[in-house]
């Protein structure tokens, strides 16, 4: 049962990380994603970034993507830092 739960959590973290790449694709204007529209403002239109700012914002979406995938791999391999970062302090196996 514990292995199934571990596999499920790893799967969810990886998928969540990959979903962040959709934000990168849209805000850097690399692709169009239905339901995720390109805009040049944040905070419900209160902060205008312009096209250049949105490209930077899109590039920053890569960071959480890397973080979620790294946390999933660390959880899978039993690294000690992954518990507090993704699932709580007691969720990783200690080596």
PDB file of N, CA and C in Angstrom:
ATOM      1  N   UNK A   1       0.816  -1.201   0.000  1.00  0.00           N
ATOM      2  CA  UNK A   1       0.000   0.000   0.000  1.00  0.00           C
ATOM      3  C   UNK A   1       0.854   1.258   0.000  1.00  0.00           C
ATOM      4  N   UNK A   2       1.956   1.237   0.769  1.00  0.00           N
ATOM      5  CA  UNK A   2       2.829   2.414   0.841  1.00  0.00           C
ATOM      6  C   UNK A   2       3.471   2.695  -0.515  1.00  0.00           C
ATOM      7  N   UNK A   3       3.795   1.648  -1.265  1.00  0.00           N
ATOM      8  CA  UNK A   3       4.398   1.855  -2.583  1.00  0.00           C
ATOM      9  C   UNK A   3       3.396   2.453  -3.564  1.00  0.00           C
ATOM     10  N   UNK A   4       2.145   2.066  -3.431  1.00  0.00           N
ATOM     11  CA  UNK A   4       1.111   2.633  -4.296  1.00  0.00           C
ATOM     12  C   UNK A   4       0.909   4.105  -3.980  1.00  0.00           C
ATOM     13  N   UNK A   5       0.883   4.438  -2.695  1.00  0.00           N
ATOM     14  CA  UNK A   5       0.734   5.844  -2.288  1.00  0.00           C
ATOM     15  C   UNK A   5       1.928   6.662  -2.761  1.00  0.00           C
ATOM     16  N   UNK A   6       3.124   6.101  -2.619  1.00  0.00           N
ATOM     17  CA  UNK A   6       4.330   6.797  -3.085  1.00  0.00           C
ATOM     18  C   UNK A   6       4.262   7.027  -4.586  1.00  0.00           C
ATOM     19  N   UNK A   7       3.880   6.012  -5.337  1.00  0.00           N
ATOM     20  CA  UNK A   7       3.782   6.157  -6.789  1.00  0.00           C
ATOM     21  C   UNK A   7       2.740   7.204  -7.167  1.00  0.00           C
ATOM     22  N   UNK A   8       1.624   7.240  -6.442  1.00  0.00           N
ATOM     23  CA  UNK A   8       0.581   8.221  -6.711  1.00  0.00           C
ATOM     24  C   UNK A   8       1.085   9.640  -6.451  1.00  0.00           C
ATOM     25  N   UNK A   9       1.750   9.859  -5.327  1.00  0.00           N
ATOM     26  CA  UNK A   9       2.266  11.191  -4.998  1.00  0.00           C
ATOM     27  C   UNK A   9       3.318  11.620  -6.011  1.00  0.00           C
ATOM     28  N   UNK A  10       4.204  10.716  -6.404  1.00  0.00           N
ATOM     29  CA  UNK A  10       5.219  11.033  -7.415  1.00  0.00           C
ATOM     30  C   UNK A  10       4.544  11.398  -8.725  1.00  0.00           C
ATOM     31  N   UNK A  11       3.540  10.642  -9.120  1.00  0.00           N
ATOM     32  CA  UNK A  11       2.808  10.924 -10.354  1.00  0.00           C
ATOM     33  C   UNK A  11       2.165  12.311 -10.302  1.00  0.00           C
ATOM     34  N   UNK A  12       1.494  12.621  -9.203  1.00  0.00           N
ATOM     35  CA  UNK A  12       0.826  13.918  -9.066  1.00  0.00           C
ATOM     36  C   UNK A  12       1.842  15.059  -9.122  1.00  0.00           C
ATOM     37  N   UNK A  13       2.972  14.905  -8.453  1.00  0.00           N
ATOM     38  CA  UNK A  13       3.996  15.957  -8.481  1.00  0.00           C
ATOM     39  C   UNK A  13       4.558  16.175  -9.882  1.00  0.00           C
ATOM     40  N   UNK A  14       4.822  15.095 -10.592  1.00  0.00           N
ATOM     41  CA  UNK A  14       5.360  15.225 -11.950  1.00  0.00           C
ATOM     42  C   UNK A  14       4.326  15.877 -12.874  1.00  0.00           C
ATOM     43  N   UNK A  15       3.089  15.441 -12.803  1.00  0.00           N
ATOM     44  CA  UNK A  15       2.045  16.034 -13.644  1.00  0.00           C
ATOM     45  C   UNK A  15       1.866  17.507 -13.307  1.00  0.00           C
ATOM     46  N   UNK A  16       1.866  17.840 -12.023  1.00  0.00           N
ATOM     47  CA  UNK A  16       1.728  19.243 -11.632  1.00  0.00           C
ATOM     48  C   UNK A  16       2.896  20.073 -12.167  1.00  0.00           C
ATOM     49  N   UNK A  17       4.092  19.516 -12.098  1.00  0.00           N
ATOM     50  CA  UNK A  17       5.251  20.213 -12.654  1.00  0.00           C
ATOM     51  C   UNK A  17       5.125  20.422 -14.152  1.00  0.00           C
ATOM     52  N   UNK A  18       4.637  19.425 -14.857  1.00  0.00           N
ATOM     53  CA  UNK A  18       4.475  19.558 -16.302  1.00  0.00           C
ATOM     54  C   UNK A  18       3.375  20.556 -16.659  1.00  0.00           C
ATOM     55  N   UNK A  19       2.360  20.645 -15.814  1.00  0.00           N
ATOM     56  CA  UNK A  19       1.298  21.626 -16.065  1.00  0.00           C
ATOM     57  C   UNK A  19       1.856  23.044 -16.006  1.00  0.00           C
ATOM     58  N   UNK A  20       2.829  23.272 -15.152  1.00  0.00           N
ATOM     59  CA  UNK A  20       3.447  24.603 -15.088  1.00  0.00           C
ATOM     60  C   UNK A  20       4.100  24.977 -16.419  1.00  0.00           C
ATOM     61  N   UNK A  21       4.516  24.000 -17.186  1.00  0.00           N
ATOM     62  CA  UNK A  21       5.109  24.295 -18.494  1.00  0.00           C
ATOM     63  C   UNK A  21       4.087  24.884 -19.462  1.00  0.00           C
ATOM     64  N   UNK A  22       2.808  24.618 -19.223  1.00  0.00           N
ATOM     65  CA  UNK A  22       1.781  25.248 -20.063  1.00  0.00           C
ATOM     66  C   UNK A  22       1.811  26.755 -19.867  1.00  0.00           C
ATOM     67  N   UNK A  23       2.012  27.219 -18.638  1.00  0.00           N
ATOM     68  CA  UNK A  23       2.137  28.650 -18.388  1.00  0.00           C
ATOM     69  C   UNK A  23       3.329  29.229 -19.115  1.00  0.00           C
ATOM     70  N   UNK A  24       4.437  28.517 -19.115  1.00  0.00           N
ATOM     71  CA  UNK A  24       5.616  28.970 -19.847  1.00  0.00           C
ATOM     72  C   UNK A  24       5.307  29.092 -21.325  1.00  0.00           C
ATOM     73  N   UNK A  25       4.675  28.073 -21.879  1.00  0.00           N
ATOM     74  CA  UNK A  25       4.369  28.079 -23.308  1.00  0.00           C
ATOM     75  C   UNK A  25       3.449  29.226 -23.693  1.00  0.00           C
ATOM     76  N   UNK A  26       2.436  29.485 -22.882  1.00  0.00           N
ATOM     77  CA  UNK A  26       1.477  30.539 -23.212  1.00  0.00           C
ATOM     78  C   UNK A  26       2.097  31.915 -23.032  1.00  0.00           C
ATOM     79  N   UNK A  27       2.718  32.165 -21.890  1.00  0.00           N
ATOM     80  CA  UNK A  27       3.201  33.515 -21.597  1.00  0.00           C
ATOM     81  C   UNK A  27       4.465  33.886 -22.360  1.00  0.00           C
ATOM     82  N   UNK A  28       5.169  32.891 -22.900  1.00  0.00           N
ATOM     83  CA  UNK A  28       6.293  33.197 -23.784  1.00  0.00           C
ATOM     84  C   UNK A  28       5.863  33.152 -25.248  1.00  0.00           C
ATOM     85  N   UNK A  29       4.574  32.945 -25.461  1.00  0.00           N
ATOM     86  CA  UNK A  29       3.948  32.880 -26.784  1.00  0.00           C
ATOM     87  C   UNK A  29       4.548  31.782 -27.663  1.00  0.00           C
ATOM     88  N   UNK A  30       4.809  30.646 -27.048  1.00  0.00           N
ATOM     89  CA  UNK A  30       5.314  29.489 -27.784  1.00  0.00           C
ATOM     90  C   UNK A  30       4.177  28.593 -28.254  1.00  0.00           C
ATOM     91  N   UNK A  31       3.030  28.690 -27.581  1.00  0.00           N
ATOM     92  CA  UNK A  31       1.872  27.853 -27.925  1.00  0.00           C
ATOM     93  C   UNK A  31       0.609  28.512 -27.397  1.00  0.00           C
ATOM     94  N   UNK A  32      -0.512  28.031 -27.888  1.00  0.00           N
ATOM     95  CA  UNK A  32      -1.815  28.454 -27.376  1.00  0.00           C
ATOM     96  C   UNK A  32      -2.434  27.274 -26.647  1.00  0.00           C
ATOM     97  N   UNK A  33      -2.947  27.540 -25.466  1.00  0.00           N
ATOM     98  CA  UNK A  33      -3.586  26.498 -24.668  1.00  0.00           C
ATOM     99  C   UNK A  33      -5.007  26.950 -24.381  1.00  0.00           C
ATOM    100  N   UNK A  34      -5.966  26.105 -24.744  1.00  0.00           N
ATOM    101  CA  UNK A  34      -7.374  26.447 -24.516  1.00  0.00           C
ATOM    102  C   UNK A  34      -7.610  26.601 -23.012  1.00  0.00           C
ATOM    103  N   UNK A  35      -8.219  27.704 -22.630  1.00  0.00           N
ATOM    104  CA  UNK A  35      -8.505  27.957 -21.225  1.00  0.00           C
ATOM    105  C   UNK A  35      -7.434  28.748 -20.509  1.00  0.00           C
ATOM    106  N   UNK A  36      -6.288  28.937 -21.132  1.00  0.00           N
ATOM    107  CA  UNK A  36      -5.200  29.718 -20.540  1.00  0.00           C
ATOM    108  C   UNK A  36      -4.833  30.805 -21.542  1.00  0.00           C
ATOM    109  N   UNK A  37      -5.449  31.953 -21.395  1.00  0.00           N
ATOM    110  CA  UNK A  37      -5.301  33.012 -22.388  1.00  0.00           C
ATOM    111  C   UNK A  37      -4.068  33.862 -22.125  1.00  0.00           C
ATOM    112  N   UNK A  38      -3.487  34.351 -23.194  1.00  0.00           N
ATOM    113  CA  UNK A  38      -2.353  35.261 -23.093  1.00  0.00           C
ATOM    114  C   UNK A  38      -2.872  36.648 -22.724  1.00  0.00           C
ATOM    115  N   UNK A  39      -2.213  37.268 -21.785  1.00  0.00           N
ATOM    116  CA  UNK A  39      -2.539  38.640 -21.396  1.00  0.00           C
ATOM    117  C   UNK A  39      -1.256  39.312 -20.934  1.00  0.00           C
ATOM    118  N   UNK A  40      -1.259  40.608 -20.853  1.00  0.00           N
ATOM    119  CA  UNK A  40      -0.056  41.325 -20.432  1.00  0.00           C
ATOM    120  C   UNK A  40      -0.210  41.933 -19.044  1.00  0.00           C
ATOM    121  N   UNK A  41      -1.221  41.502 -18.304  1.00  0.00           N
ATOM    122  CA  UNK A  41      -1.439  42.018 -16.958  1.00  0.00           C
ATOM    123  C   UNK A  41      -1.514  40.880 -15.950  1.00  0.00           C
ATOM    124  N   UNK A  42      -1.224  41.214 -14.714  1.00  0.00           N
ATOM    125  CA  UNK A  42      -1.361  40.279 -13.600  1.00  0.00           C
ATOM    126  C   UNK A  42      -2.267  40.902 -12.548  1.00  0.00           C
ATOM    127  N   UNK A  43      -2.652  40.133 -11.557  1.00  0.00           N
ATOM    128  CA  UNK A  43      -3.477  40.600 -10.441  1.00  0.00           C
ATOM    129  C   UNK A  43      -4.782  41.224 -10.926  1.00  0.00           C
ATOM    130  N   UNK A  44      -5.483  40.495 -11.757  1.00  0.00           N
ATOM    131  CA  UNK A  44      -6.785  40.921 -12.298  1.00  0.00           C
ATOM    132  C   UNK A  44      -6.708  42.247 -13.025  1.00  0.00           C
ATOM    133  N   UNK A  45      -5.625  42.466 -13.745  1.00  0.00           N
ATOM    134  CA  UNK A  45      -5.472  43.665 -14.550  1.00  0.00           C
ATOM    135  C   UNK A  45      -4.882  44.861 -13.814  1.00  0.00           C
ATOM    136  N   UNK A  46      -4.504  44.701 -12.563  1.00  0.00           N
ATOM    137  CA  UNK A  46      -3.967  45.819 -11.792  1.00  0.00           C
ATOM    138  C   UNK A  46      -2.476  46.073 -12.039  1.00  0.00           C
ATOM    139  N   UNK A  47      -1.778  45.108 -12.627  1.00  0.00           N
ATOM    140  CA  UNK A  47      -0.335  45.255 -12.822  1.00  0.00           C
ATOM    141  C   UNK A  47      -0.012  44.964 -14.285  1.00  0.00           C
ATOM    142  N   UNK A  48       0.272  46.000 -15.027  1.00  0.00           N
ATOM    143  CA  UNK A  48       0.598  45.884 -16.454  1.00  0.00           C
ATOM    144  C   UNK A  48       2.088  45.581 -16.599  1.00  0.00           C
ATOM    145  N   UNK A  49       2.410  44.461 -17.229  1.00  0.00           N
ATOM    146  CA  UNK A  49       3.803  44.078 -17.433  1.00  0.00           C
ATOM    147  C   UNK A  49       4.286  44.327 -18.851  1.00  0.00           C
ATOM    148  N   UNK A  50       3.397  44.347 -19.800  1.00  0.00           N
ATOM    149  CA  UNK A  50       3.796  44.460 -21.195  1.00  0.00           C
ATOM    150  C   UNK A  50       4.264  43.117 -21.715  1.00  0.00           C
ATOM    151  N   UNK A  51       4.611  43.092 -23.000  1.00  0.00           N
ATOM    152  CA  UNK A  51       5.004  41.816 -23.610  1.00  0.00           C
ATOM    153  C   UNK A  51       6.320  41.291 -23.068  1.00  0.00           C
ATOM    154  N   UNK A  52       7.293  42.175 -22.875  1.00  0.00           N
ATOM    155  CA  UNK A  52       8.589  41.736 -22.336  1.00  0.00           C
ATOM    156  C   UNK A  52       8.473  41.189 -20.926  1.00  0.00           C
ATOM    157  N   UNK A  53       7.674  41.854 -20.111  1.00  0.00           N
ATOM    158  CA  UNK A  53       7.466  41.387 -18.747  1.00  0.00           C
ATOM    159  C   UNK A  53       6.772  40.046 -18.697  1.00  0.00           C
ATOM    160  N   UNK A  54       5.844  39.831 -19.618  1.00  0.00           N
ATOM    161  CA  UNK A  54       5.152  38.549 -19.652  1.00  0.00           C
ATOM    162  C   UNK A  54       6.072  37.432 -20.126  1.00  0.00           C
ATOM    163  N   UNK A  55       7.028  37.754 -20.976  1.00  0.00           N
ATOM    164  CA  UNK A  55       8.012  36.727 -21.373  1.00  0.00           C
ATOM    165  C   UNK A  55       8.854  36.308 -20.167  1.00  0.00           C
ATOM    166  N   UNK A  56       9.256  37.280 -19.360  1.00  0.00           N
ATOM    167  CA  UNK A  56      10.004  36.964 -18.137  1.00  0.00           C
ATOM    168  C   UNK A  56       9.128  36.149 -17.192  1.00  0.00           C
ATOM    169  N   UNK A  57       7.869  36.570 -17.020  1.00  0.00           N
ATOM    170  CA  UNK A  57       6.922  35.844 -16.177  1.00  0.00           C
ATOM    171  C   UNK A  57       6.774  34.402 -16.670  1.00  0.00           C
ATOM    172  N   UNK A  58       6.667  34.223 -17.979  1.00  0.00           N
ATOM    173  CA  UNK A  58       6.562  32.880 -18.549  1.00  0.00           C
ATOM    174  C   UNK A  58       7.804  32.052 -18.290  1.00  0.00           C
ATOM    175  N   UNK A  59       8.969  32.690 -18.412  1.00  0.00           N
ATOM    176  CA  UNK A  59      10.221  31.971 -18.151  1.00  0.00           C
ATOM    177  C   UNK A  59      10.310  31.549 -16.683  1.00  0.00           C
ATOM    178  N   UNK A  60       9.781  32.360 -15.793  1.00  0.00           N
ATOM    179  CA  UNK A  60       9.818  32.023 -14.369  1.00  0.00           C
ATOM    180  C   UNK A  60       8.935  30.825 -14.030  1.00  0.00           C
ATOM    181  N   UNK A  61       7.949  30.536 -14.881  1.00  0.00           N
ATOM    182  CA  UNK A  61       7.100  29.375 -14.648  1.00  0.00           C
ATOM    183  C   UNK A  61       7.875  28.065 -14.787  1.00  0.00           C
ATOM    184  N   UNK A  62       9.044  28.112 -15.393  1.00  0.00           N
ATOM    185  CA  UNK A  62       9.872  26.908 -15.504  1.00  0.00           C
ATOM    186  C   UNK A  62      10.398  26.488 -14.131  1.00  0.00           C
ATOM    187  N   UNK A  63      10.650  27.463 -13.262  1.00  0.00           N
ATOM    188  CA  UNK A  63      11.234  27.152 -11.952  1.00  0.00           C
ATOM    189  C   UNK A  63      10.354  26.233 -11.105  1.00  0.00           C
ATOM    190  N   UNK A  64       9.060  26.521 -10.940  1.00  0.00           N
ATOM    191  CA  UNK A  64       8.257  25.557 -10.174  1.00  0.00           C
ATOM    192  C   UNK A  64       8.132  24.207 -10.877  1.00  0.00           C
ATOM    193  N   UNK A  65       8.174  24.215 -12.189  1.00  0.00           N
ATOM    194  CA  UNK A  65       8.125  22.952 -12.917  1.00  0.00           C
ATOM    195  C   UNK A  65       9.325  22.079 -12.548  1.00  0.00           C
ATOM    196  N   UNK A  66      10.498  22.678 -12.568  1.00  0.00           N
ATOM    197  CA  UNK A  66      11.718  21.955 -12.182  1.00  0.00           C
ATOM    198  C   UNK A  66      11.628  21.506 -10.732  1.00  0.00           C
ATOM    199  N   UNK A  67      11.126  22.384  -9.874  1.00  0.00           N
ATOM    200  CA  UNK A  67      11.014  22.058  -8.454  1.00  0.00           C
ATOM    201  C   UNK A  67      10.090  20.882  -8.180  1.00  0.00           C
ATOM    202  N   UNK A  68       8.927  20.850  -8.831  1.00  0.00           N
ATOM    203  CA  UNK A  68       7.991  19.746  -8.617  1.00  0.00           C
ATOM    204  C   UNK A  68       8.566  18.425  -9.123  1.00  0.00           C
ATOM    205  N   UNK A  69       9.196  18.442 -10.277  1.00  0.00           N
ATOM    206  CA  UNK A  69       9.782  17.206 -10.810  1.00  0.00           C
ATOM    207  C   UNK A  69      10.957  16.759  -9.939  1.00  0.00           C
ATOM    208  N   UNK A  70      11.782  17.709  -9.488  1.00  0.00           N
ATOM    209  CA  UNK A  70      12.904  17.363  -8.606  1.00  0.00           C
ATOM    210  C   UNK A  70      12.400  16.788  -7.280  1.00  0.00           C
ATOM    211  N   UNK A  71      11.343  17.375  -6.739  1.00  0.00           N
ATOM    212  CA  UNK A  71      10.773  16.854  -5.489  1.00  0.00           C
ATOM    213  C   UNK A  71      10.227  15.441  -5.692  1.00  0.00           C
ATOM    214  N   UNK A  72       9.607  15.190  -6.835  1.00  0.00           N
ATOM    215  CA  UNK A  72       9.097  13.848  -7.120  1.00  0.00           C
ATOM    216  C   UNK A  72      10.237  12.843  -7.212  1.00  0.00           C
ATOM    217  N   UNK A  73      11.298  13.213  -7.891  1.00  0.00           N
ATOM    218  CA  UNK A  73      12.450  12.310  -7.997  1.00  0.00           C
ATOM    219  C   UNK A  73      13.107  12.079  -6.641  1.00  0.00           C
ATOM    220  N   UNK A  74      13.203  13.130  -5.840  1.00  0.00           N
ATOM    221  CA  UNK A  74      13.784  12.984  -4.503  1.00  0.00           C
ATOM    222  C   UNK A  74      12.909  12.098  -3.627  1.00  0.00           C
ATOM    223  N   UNK A  75      11.615  12.267  -3.722  1.00  0.00           N
ATOM    224  CA  UNK A  75      10.699  11.425  -2.962  1.00  0.00           C
ATOM    225  C   UNK A  75      10.824   9.970  -3.390  1.00  0.00           C
ATOM    226  N   UNK A  76      10.948   9.759  -4.682  1.00  0.00           N
ATOM    227  CA  UNK A  76      11.072   8.412  -5.223  1.00  0.00           C
ATOM    228  C   UNK A  76      12.370   7.737  -4.783  1.00  0.00           C
ATOM    229  N   UNK A  77      13.442   8.511  -4.699  1.00  0.00           N
ATOM    230  CA  UNK A  77      14.741   7.944  -4.332  1.00  0.00           C
ATOM    231  C   UNK A  77      15.026   8.012  -2.839  1.00  0.00           C
ATOM    232  N   UNK A  78      14.103   8.601  -2.061  1.00  0.00           N
ATOM    233  CA  UNK A  78      14.260   8.620  -0.613  1.00  0.00           C
ATOM    234  C   UNK A  78      15.187   9.694  -0.085  1.00  0.00           C
ATOM    235  N   UNK A  79      15.385  10.756  -0.805  1.00  0.00           N
ATOM    236  CA  UNK A  79      16.220  11.854  -0.327  1.00  0.00           C
ATOM    237  C   UNK A  79      15.526  12.563   0.828  1.00  0.00           C
ATOM    238  N   UNK A  80      16.278  12.991   1.824  1.00  0.00           N
ATOM    239  CA  UNK A  80      15.713  13.553   3.038  1.00  0.00           C
ATOM    240  C   UNK A  80      15.065  14.912   2.893  1.00  0.00           C
ATOM    241  N   UNK A  81      15.463  15.703   1.926  1.00  0.00           N
ATOM    242  CA  UNK A  81      14.926  17.070   1.834  1.00  0.00           C
ATOM    243  C   UNK A  81      13.544  17.113   1.201  1.00  0.00           C
ATOM    244  N   UNK A  82      13.113  16.044   0.565  1.00  0.00           N
ATOM    245  CA  UNK A  82      11.862  16.111  -0.184  1.00  0.00           C
ATOM    246  C   UNK A  82      10.627  16.153   0.698  1.00  0.00           C
ATOM    247  N   UNK A  83      10.664  15.577   1.870  1.00  0.00           N
ATOM    248  CA  UNK A  83       9.486  15.545   2.729  1.00  0.00           C
ATOM    249  C   UNK A  83       8.956  16.914   3.081  1.00  0.00           C
ATOM    250  N   UNK A  84       9.763  17.749   3.714  1.00  0.00           N
ATOM    251  CA  UNK A  84       9.262  19.082   4.049  1.00  0.00           C
ATOM    252  C   UNK A  84       8.922  19.921   2.820  1.00  0.00           C
ATOM    253  N   UNK A  85       9.593  19.669   1.712  1.00  0.00           N
ATOM    254  CA  UNK A  85       9.358  20.505   0.536  1.00  0.00           C
ATOM    255  C   UNK A  85       8.087  20.142  -0.219  1.00  0.00           C
ATOM    256  N   UNK A  86       7.613  18.908  -0.103  1.00  0.00           N
ATOM    257  CA  UNK A  86       6.449  18.556  -0.913  1.00  0.00           C
ATOM    258  C   UNK A  86       5.329  17.852  -0.163  1.00  0.00           C
ATOM    259  N   UNK A  87       5.610  17.164   0.896  1.00  0.00           N
ATOM    260  CA  UNK A  87       4.565  16.319   1.473  1.00  0.00           C
ATOM    261  C   UNK A  87       4.466  16.370   2.989  1.00  0.00           C
ATOM    262  N   UNK A  88       5.263  17.139   3.651  1.00  0.00           N
ATOM    263  CA  UNK A  88       5.253  17.160   5.097  1.00  0.00           C
ATOM    264  C   UNK A  88       6.508  16.527   5.656  1.00  0.00           C
ATOM    265  N   UNK A  89       6.845  16.806   6.895  1.00  0.00           N
ATOM    266  CA  UNK A  89       8.141  16.404   7.439  1.00  0.00           C
ATOM    267  C   UNK A  89       8.360  14.907   7.600  1.00  0.00           C
ATOM    268  N   UNK A  90       7.319  14.098   7.682  1.00  0.00           N
ATOM    269  CA  UNK A  90       7.517  12.665   7.929  1.00  0.00           C
ATOM    270  C   UNK A  90       7.204  11.793   6.732  1.00  0.00           C
ATOM    271  N   UNK A  91       7.146  12.370   5.545  1.00  0.00           N
ATOM    272  CA  UNK A  91       6.679  11.576   4.403  1.00  0.00           C
ATOM    273  C   UNK A  91       7.783  10.854   3.655  1.00  0.00           C
ATOM    274  N   UNK A  92       9.044  11.172   3.876  1.00  0.00           N
ATOM    275  CA  UNK A  92      10.130  10.499   3.143  1.00  0.00           C
ATOM    276  C   UNK A  92      10.771   9.424   3.996  1.00  0.00           C
ATOM    277  N   UNK A  93      11.253   8.427   3.312  1.00  0.00           N
ATOM    278  CA  UNK A  93      12.046   7.402   3.989  1.00  0.00           C
ATOM    279  C   UNK A  93      13.399   7.992   4.315  1.00  0.00           C
ATOM    280  N   UNK A  94      13.942   7.720   5.467  1.00  0.00           N
ATOM    281  CA  UNK A  94      15.287   8.200   5.784  1.00  0.00           C
ATOM    282  C   UNK A  94      16.291   7.103   5.450  1.00  0.00           C
ATOM    283  N   UNK A  95      17.461   7.532   5.046  1.00  0.00           N
ATOM    284  CA  UNK A  95      18.502   6.560   4.674  1.00  0.00           C
ATOM    285  C   UNK A  95      19.505   6.434   5.775  1.00  0.00           C
TER     286      UNK A  95
END
